[in-house]
C-alpha atoms as a PDB file:
ATOM      1  CA  GLN A   1     -38.396 -51.456  47.494  1.00  0.00           C
ATOM      2  CA  PHE A   2     -34.947 -49.870  47.517  1.00  0.00           C
ATOM      3  CA  ARG A   3     -33.778 -53.936  48.254  1.00  0.00           C
ATOM      4  CA  ARG A   4     -35.408 -54.779  44.890  1.00  0.00           C
ATOM      5  CA  PHE A   5     -33.247 -51.442  43.231  1.00  0.00           C
ATOM      6  CA  ILE A   6     -29.786 -53.234  45.353  1.00  0.00           C
ATOM      7  CA  ASN A   7     -30.984 -57.218  43.519  1.00  0.00           C
ATOM      8  CA  GLU A   8     -31.634 -56.066  40.497  1.00  0.00           C
ATOM      9  CA  GLU A   9     -28.097 -54.218  39.997  1.00  0.00           C
ATOM     10  CA  LEU A  10     -26.156 -56.747  41.384  1.00  0.00           C
ATOM     11  CA  ASP A  11     -28.647 -58.759  38.466  1.00  0.00           C
ATOM     12  CA  HIS A  12     -27.385 -56.159  35.618  1.00  0.00           C
ATOM     13  CA  VAL A  13     -23.467 -56.764  36.732  1.00  0.00           C
ATOM     14  CA  ARG A  14     -24.078 -60.333  36.509  1.00  0.00           C
ATOM     15  CA  ALA A  15     -25.562 -60.556  33.133  1.00  0.00           C
ATOM     16  CA  PHE A  16     -23.308 -58.070  31.434  1.00  0.00           C
ATOM     17  CA  GLU A  17     -20.549 -60.395  32.523  1.00  0.00           C
ATOM     18  CA  THR A  18     -22.493 -63.290  31.131  1.00  0.00           C
ATOM     19  CA  LEU A  19     -22.778 -61.537  27.805  1.00  0.00           C
ATOM     20  CA  ALA A  20     -18.993 -60.703  28.051  1.00  0.00           C
ATOM     21  CA  ARG A  21     -18.032 -64.309  28.193  1.00  0.00           C
ATOM     22  CA  MET A  22     -20.273 -65.324  25.636  1.00  0.00           C
ATOM     23  CA  ILE A  23     -18.711 -62.963  23.534  1.00  0.00           C
ATOM     24  CA  ARG A  24     -14.843 -62.979  24.773  1.00  0.00           C
ATOM     25  CA  PRO A  25     -14.182 -65.833  26.884  1.00  0.00           C
ATOM     26  CA  ASP A  26     -10.505 -65.709  26.746  1.00  0.00           C
ATOM     27  CA  LEU A  27     -10.645 -62.067  27.777  1.00  0.00           C
ATOM     28  CA  TYR A  28     -13.694 -61.757  30.203  1.00  0.00           C
ATOM     29  CA  GLY A  29     -13.331 -64.009  33.286  1.00  0.00           C
ATOM     30  CA  ARG A  30     -13.842 -63.863  36.806  1.00  0.00           C
ATOM     31  CA  GLN A  31     -11.462 -60.661  37.119  1.00  0.00           C
ATOM     32  CA  PRO A  32     -11.761 -57.272  35.646  1.00  0.00           C
ATOM     33  CA  ARG A  33      -9.829 -56.891  32.480  1.00  0.00           C
ATOM     34  CA  PHE A  34     -10.034 -53.693  31.259  1.00  0.00           C
ATOM     35  CA  LEU A  35     -12.200 -51.398  34.477  1.00  0.00           C
ATOM     36  CA  VAL A  36     -10.118 -53.017  37.109  1.00  0.00           C
ATOM     37  CA  PRO A  37     -11.468 -51.457  40.397  1.00  0.00           C
ATOM     38  CA  THR A  38      -9.049 -48.847  42.470  1.00  0.00           C
ATOM     39  CA  ALA A  39      -8.724 -47.829  45.708  1.00  0.00           C
ATOM     40  CA  MET A  40      -9.613 -44.838  44.924  1.00  0.00           C
ATOM     41  CA  ASP A  41     -12.716 -45.684  43.263  1.00  0.00           C
ATOM     42  CA  SER A  42     -13.380 -46.844  46.910  1.00  0.00           C
ATOM     43  CA  VAL A  43     -12.632 -43.718  48.576  1.00  0.00           C
ATOM     44  CA  VAL A  44     -14.575 -41.532  46.152  1.00  0.00           C
ATOM     45  CA  VAL A  45     -17.557 -43.690  46.517  1.00  0.00           C
ATOM     46  CA  ARG A  46     -17.582 -43.385  50.734  1.00  0.00           C
ATOM     47  CA  ARG A  47     -16.942 -39.650  50.393  1.00  0.00           C
ATOM     48  CA  THR A  48     -19.827 -38.801  47.725  1.00  0.00           C
ATOM     49  CA  PRO A  49     -22.767 -37.564  49.399  1.00  0.00           C
ATOM     50  CA  LEU A  50     -25.932 -39.312  48.729  1.00  0.00           C
ATOM     51  CA  SER A  51     -27.562 -36.635  46.797  1.00  0.00           C
ATOM     52  CA  THR A  52     -24.843 -36.331  44.952  1.00  0.00           C
ATOM     53  CA  PHE A  53     -23.973 -40.596  43.980  1.00  0.00           C
ATOM     54  CA  PHE A  54     -28.198 -40.718  42.762  1.00  0.00           C
ATOM     55  CA  VAL A  55     -27.953 -37.748  40.550  1.00  0.00           C
ATOM     56  CA  MET A  56     -25.008 -39.157  39.232  1.00  0.00           C
ATOM     57  CA  ALA A  57     -26.759 -42.855  39.096  1.00  0.00           C
ATOM     58  CA  ALA A  58     -30.077 -40.832  37.332  1.00  0.00           C
ATOM     59  CA  LEU A  59     -27.569 -39.662  34.459  1.00  0.00           C
ATOM     60  CA  PHE A  60     -25.673 -43.021  33.657  1.00  0.00           C
ATOM     61  CA  GLU A  61     -29.433 -44.659  33.674  1.00  0.00           C
ATOM     62  CA  GLU A  62     -31.140 -41.957  31.512  1.00  0.00           C
ATOM     63  CA  MET A  63     -27.740 -43.234  29.108  1.00  0.00           C
ATOM     64  CA  THR A  64     -28.195 -46.799  29.239  1.00  0.00           C
ATOM     65  CA  LEU A  65     -32.024 -46.382  28.723  1.00  0.00           C
ATOM     66  CA  PHE A  66     -30.807 -45.607  24.894  1.00  0.00           C
ATOM     67  CA  VAL A  67     -28.283 -47.893  24.147  1.00  0.00           C
ATOM     68  CA  CYS A  68     -31.085 -50.637  22.711  1.00  0.00           C
ATOM     69  CA  THR A  69     -32.650 -47.449  21.092  1.00  0.00           C
ATOM     70  CA  ALA A  70     -29.512 -46.932  19.109  1.00  0.00           C
ATOM     71  CA  MET A  71     -28.896 -50.755  18.300  1.00  0.00           C
ATOM     72  CA  GLU A  72     -32.885 -50.807  16.763  1.00  0.00           C
ATOM     73  CA  GLU A  73     -31.287 -48.198  14.493  1.00  0.00           C
ATOM     74  CA  ASP A  74     -29.724 -50.561  12.255  1.00  0.00           C
ATOM     75  CA  LEU A  75     -30.532 -54.251  13.013  1.00  0.00           C
ATOM     76  CA  ARG A  76     -27.669 -55.566  11.019  1.00  0.00           C
ATOM     77  CA  GLN A  77     -25.115 -54.221  13.181  1.00  0.00           C
ATOM     78  CA  SER A  78     -27.224 -55.625  16.488  1.00  0.00           C
ATOM     79  CA  TRP A  79     -25.967 -59.404  17.845  1.00  0.00           C
ATOM     80  CA  GLN A  80     -29.322 -60.765  18.840  1.00  0.00           C
ATOM     81  CA  PRO A  81     -28.220 -61.800  22.288  1.00  0.00           C
ATOM     82  CA  ALA A  82     -26.469 -58.428  23.159  1.00  0.00           C
ATOM     83  CA  LEU A  83     -30.016 -56.427  21.764  1.00  0.00           C
ATOM     84  CA  ASP A  84     -31.964 -58.782  24.251  1.00  0.00           C
ATOM     85  CA  VAL A  85     -30.207 -57.905  27.231  1.00  0.00           C
ATOM     86  CA  MET A  86     -30.536 -54.094  26.625  1.00  0.00           C
ATOM     87  CA  ARG A  87     -33.436 -54.822  25.891  1.00  0.00           C
ATOM     88  CA  LEU A  88     -34.355 -56.229  29.766  1.00  0.00           C
ATOM     89  CA  HIS A  89     -31.985 -53.774  30.940  1.00  0.00           C
ATOM     90  CA  ALA A  90     -33.859 -50.447  29.477  1.00  0.00           C
ATOM     91  CA  GLN A  91     -36.767 -51.802  31.119  1.00  0.00           C
ATOM     92  CA  GLU A  92     -35.745 -51.765  34.558  1.00  0.00           C
ATOM     93  CA  GLU A  93     -33.810 -49.227  34.736  1.00  0.00           C
ATOM     94  CA  LYS A  94     -37.019 -46.942  34.238  1.00  0.00           C
ATOM     95  CA  GLY A  95     -37.908 -48.116  37.568  1.00  0.00           C
ATOM     96  CA  HIS A  96     -34.804 -47.466  39.105  1.00  0.00           C
ATOM     97  CA  ILE A  97     -35.300 -43.856  37.638  1.00  0.00           C
ATOM     98  CA  GLY A  98     -38.111 -43.557  39.442  1.00  0.00           C
ATOM     99  CA  MET A  99     -35.973 -44.600  42.559  1.00  0.00           C
ATOM    100  CA  ASP A 100     -33.324 -41.750  42.129  1.00  0.00           C
ATOM    101  CA  ARG A 101     -35.785 -39.032  42.264  1.00  0.00           C
ATOM    102  CA  ILE A 102     -37.431 -40.640  45.304  1.00  0.00           C
ATOM    103  CA  LEU A 103     -34.222 -40.949  47.167  1.00  0.00           C
ATOM    104  CA  ILE A 104     -33.118 -37.587  45.854  1.00  0.00           C
ATOM    105  CA  GLU A 105     -36.356 -35.723  46.521  1.00  0.00           C
ATOM    106  CA  GLY A 106     -36.042 -37.474  50.382  1.00  0.00           C
ATOM    107  CA  SER A 107     -32.865 -36.377  50.832  1.00  0.00           C
ATOM    108  CA  VAL A 108     -33.226 -32.789  49.191  1.00  0.00           C
ATOM    109  CA  SER A 109     -36.092 -32.601  51.796  1.00  0.00           C
ATOM    110  CA  ARG A 110     -33.816 -33.921  54.521  1.00  0.00           C
ATOM    111  CA  ARG A 111     -31.295 -31.459  54.217  1.00  0.00           C
ATOM    112  CA  GLY A 112     -32.860 -28.555  52.816  1.00  0.00           C
ATOM    113  CA  LYS A 113     -32.029 -26.954  49.712  1.00  0.00           C
ATOM    114  CA  LEU A 114     -28.581 -25.072  50.937  1.00  0.00           C
ATOM    115  CA  ARG A 115     -26.865 -28.347  51.820  1.00  0.00           C
ATOM    116  CA  THR A 116     -27.648 -29.952  48.527  1.00  0.00           C
ATOM    117  CA  ARG A 117     -26.503 -26.660  46.250  1.00  0.00           C
ATOM    118  CA  LEU A 118     -23.436 -27.127  48.540  1.00  0.00           C
ATOM    119  CA  GLU A 119     -23.457 -31.469  48.728  1.00  0.00           C
ATOM    120  CA  MET A 120     -23.784 -30.723  44.450  1.00  0.00           C
ATOM    121  CA  ILE A 121     -20.614 -28.920  44.787  1.00  0.00           C
ATOM    122  CA  THR A 122     -18.894 -32.581  44.194  1.00  0.00           C
ATOM    123  CA  LEU A 123     -21.123 -33.450  41.572  1.00  0.00           C
ATOM    124  CA  LEU A 124     -19.435 -32.189  37.820  1.00  0.00           C
ATOM    125  CA  PRO A 125     -15.808 -33.446  39.084  1.00  0.00           C
ATOM    126  CA  LEU A 126     -17.742 -36.772  40.004  1.00  0.00           C
ATOM    127  CA  VAL A 127     -19.208 -37.110  36.847  1.00  0.00           C
ATOM    128  CA  ALA A 128     -15.553 -35.638  35.478  1.00  0.00           C
ATOM    129  CA  TYR A 129     -13.685 -38.574  37.485  1.00  0.00           C
ATOM    130  CA  SER A 130     -16.269 -41.660  36.128  1.00  0.00           C
ATOM    131  CA  ASP A 131     -15.939 -40.489  32.527  1.00  0.00           C
ATOM    132  CA  ALA A 132     -12.098 -40.470  32.914  1.00  0.00           C
ATOM    133  CA  ARG A 133     -12.035 -44.242  34.825  1.00  0.00           C
ATOM    134  CA  VAL A 134     -14.955 -45.220  31.906  1.00  0.00           C
ATOM    135  CA  ALA A 135     -12.555 -43.600  28.699  1.00  0.00           C
ATOM    136  CA  GLY A 136      -8.827 -45.067  30.501  1.00  0.00           C
ATOM    137  CA  ALA A 137     -10.856 -48.546  29.857  1.00  0.00           C
ATOM    138  CA  TRP A 138     -11.821 -47.984  26.585  1.00  0.00           C
ATOM    139  CA  LYS A 139      -8.668 -47.148  25.729  1.00  0.00           C
ATOM    140  CA  LYS A 140      -7.012 -50.184  27.543  1.00  0.00           C
ATOM    141  CA  ALA A 141      -9.485 -52.407  25.652  1.00  0.00           C
ATOM    142  CA  ALA A 142      -9.170 -50.445  22.090  1.00  0.00           C
ATOM    143  CA  ALA A 143      -5.170 -51.093  22.381  1.00  0.00           C
ATOM    144  CA  HIS A 144      -5.956 -54.533  23.022  1.00  0.00           C
ATOM    145  CA  PHE A 145      -8.052 -54.984  19.747  1.00  0.00           C
ATOM    146  CA  ALA A 146      -5.893 -53.044  17.563  1.00  0.00           C
ATOM    147  CA  GLN A 147      -3.104 -55.345  18.231  1.00  0.00           C
ATOM    148  CA  GLU A 148      -5.612 -58.483  17.949  1.00  0.00           C
ATOM    149  CA  GLU A 149      -6.427 -56.978  14.479  1.00  0.00           C
ATOM    150  CA  SER A 150      -3.041 -55.763  13.447  1.00  0.00           C
ATOM    151  CA  LEU A 151      -5.211 -52.351  12.504  1.00  0.00           C
ATOM    152  CA  THR A 152      -2.712 -48.936  11.321  1.00  0.00           C
ATOM    153  CA  LYS A 153      -1.683 -47.071  14.107  1.00  0.00           C
ATOM    154  CA  ALA A 154      -4.311 -44.647  12.137  1.00  0.00           C
ATOM    155  CA  GLN A 155      -7.048 -47.121  12.804  1.00  0.00           C
ATOM    156  CA  ALA A 156      -6.306 -47.697  16.508  1.00  0.00           C
ATOM    157  CA  GLY A 157      -6.383 -43.976  16.722  1.00  0.00           C
ATOM    158  CA  GLN A 158      -9.928 -43.769  15.214  1.00  0.00           C
ATOM    159  CA  ILE A 159     -11.419 -46.479  17.698  1.00  0.00           C
ATOM    160  CA  ALA A 160      -9.531 -45.236  20.544  1.00  0.00           C
ATOM    161  CA  ASN A 161     -11.086 -41.893  20.450  1.00  0.00           C
ATOM    162  CA  LYS A 162     -14.269 -42.670  18.735  1.00  0.00           C
ATOM    163  CA  GLY A 163     -16.468 -40.205  21.070  1.00  0.00           C
ATOM    164  CA  MET A 164     -19.635 -40.505  22.704  1.00  0.00           C
ATOM    165  CA  SER A 165     -22.169 -42.969  21.580  1.00  0.00           C
ATOM    166  CA  ARG A 166     -25.034 -42.211  19.683  1.00  0.00           C
ATOM    167  CA  SER A 167     -27.056 -43.295  23.017  1.00  0.00           C
ATOM    168  CA  ASP A 168     -25.022 -41.452  25.576  1.00  0.00           C
ATOM    169  CA  ILE A 169     -25.939 -37.831  23.260  1.00  0.00           C
ATOM    170  CA  LEU A 170     -29.332 -38.996  23.461  1.00  0.00           C
ATOM    171  CA  GLY A 171     -29.020 -40.126  27.411  1.00  0.00           C
ATOM    172  CA  MET A 172     -27.502 -36.699  28.330  1.00  0.00           C
ATOM    173  CA  ARG A 173     -30.044 -34.925  26.108  1.00  0.00           C
ATOM    174  CA  SER A 174     -32.900 -36.656  27.384  1.00  0.00           C
ATOM    175  CA  PHE A 175     -31.473 -35.946  31.113  1.00  0.00           C
ATOM    176  CA  VAL A 176     -30.703 -32.655  30.382  1.00  0.00           C
ATOM    177  CA  GLN A 177     -34.860 -32.427  30.148  1.00  0.00           C
ATOM    178  CA  LYS A 178     -35.656 -34.314  32.999  1.00  0.00           C
ATOM    179  CA  SER A 179     -33.475 -32.551  35.410  1.00  0.00           C
ATOM    180  CA  ARG A 180     -34.939 -28.934  34.374  1.00  0.00           C
ATOM    181  CA  GLN A 181     -38.481 -30.126  35.291  1.00  0.00           C
ATOM    182  CA  SER A 182     -37.110 -31.742  38.686  1.00  0.00           C
ATOM    183  CA  SER A 183     -35.026 -28.523  39.860  1.00  0.00           C
ATOM    184  CA  VAL A 184     -32.726 -30.224  42.151  1.00  0.00           C
ATOM    185  CA  PRO A 185     -30.808 -27.461  43.800  1.00  0.00           C
ATOM    186  CA  GLY A 186     -27.169 -27.150  42.285  1.00  0.00           C
ATOM    187  CA  THR A 187     -27.477 -29.284  39.171  1.00  0.00           C
ATOM    188  CA  ALA A 188     -27.595 -26.379  37.178  1.00  0.00           C
ATOM    189  CA  LEU A 189     -23.618 -26.405  35.575  1.00  0.00           C
ATOM    190  CA  LEU A 190     -24.067 -29.962  35.290  1.00  0.00           C
ATOM    191  CA  ARG A 191     -27.040 -29.452  33.094  1.00  0.00           C
ATOM    192  CA  PHE A 192     -24.741 -26.300  31.314  1.00  0.00           C
ATOM    193  CA  ALA A 193     -21.949 -28.567  30.440  1.00  0.00           C
ATOM    194  CA  LEU A 194     -24.112 -32.061  29.353  1.00  0.00           C
ATOM    195  CA  GLY A 195     -25.874 -29.578  27.239  1.00  0.00           C
ATOM    196  CA  LEU A 196     -22.981 -28.187  25.506  1.00  0.00           C
ATOM    197  CA  LYS A 197     -21.289 -32.264  25.358  1.00  0.00           C
ATOM    198  CA  ALA A 198     -24.386 -33.605  23.843  1.00  0.00           C
ATOM    199  CA  LYS A 199     -24.758 -31.094  20.940  1.00  0.00           C
END
């Protein structure tokens, strides 16, 4: 089951890469363009406790569930191939969130509540680091688009600093609600921070 989880995630990566190349083959080749992996990323992943990693994975996967929901609210602005990929991704991610829960519960059972609570001290900094990396990539992509389209400085700023998407907000709210029900030790601070951010 865990191997299926890994294989499906790899399939997702390939699907998103194919979609990106369909949209802009000149921008998206074999190498990452805007979100380029760094040595620090590798250190963070290697040093992150397994329980913390899968709580963060559950958060991000919960957020992706709502991408197609947001797209379906206005189909005139949704490109059909992208919507199809997001629908398929959301269907498979539901199973992955269940796998996250099993892995987290197993980790809590093996390590105990106290150790899990201590490990979760790294959770908020890990989410903040990941958020900063994605935000930095967005700003690079926004700057590239602004230059291509000859946007004004004000227009470029609006795109670069657009804030959270509707799917992000819906996903955060859903995660907070589910997290309260699961009561994983040490996640209260993350729930509080997400609750404030997704108001």
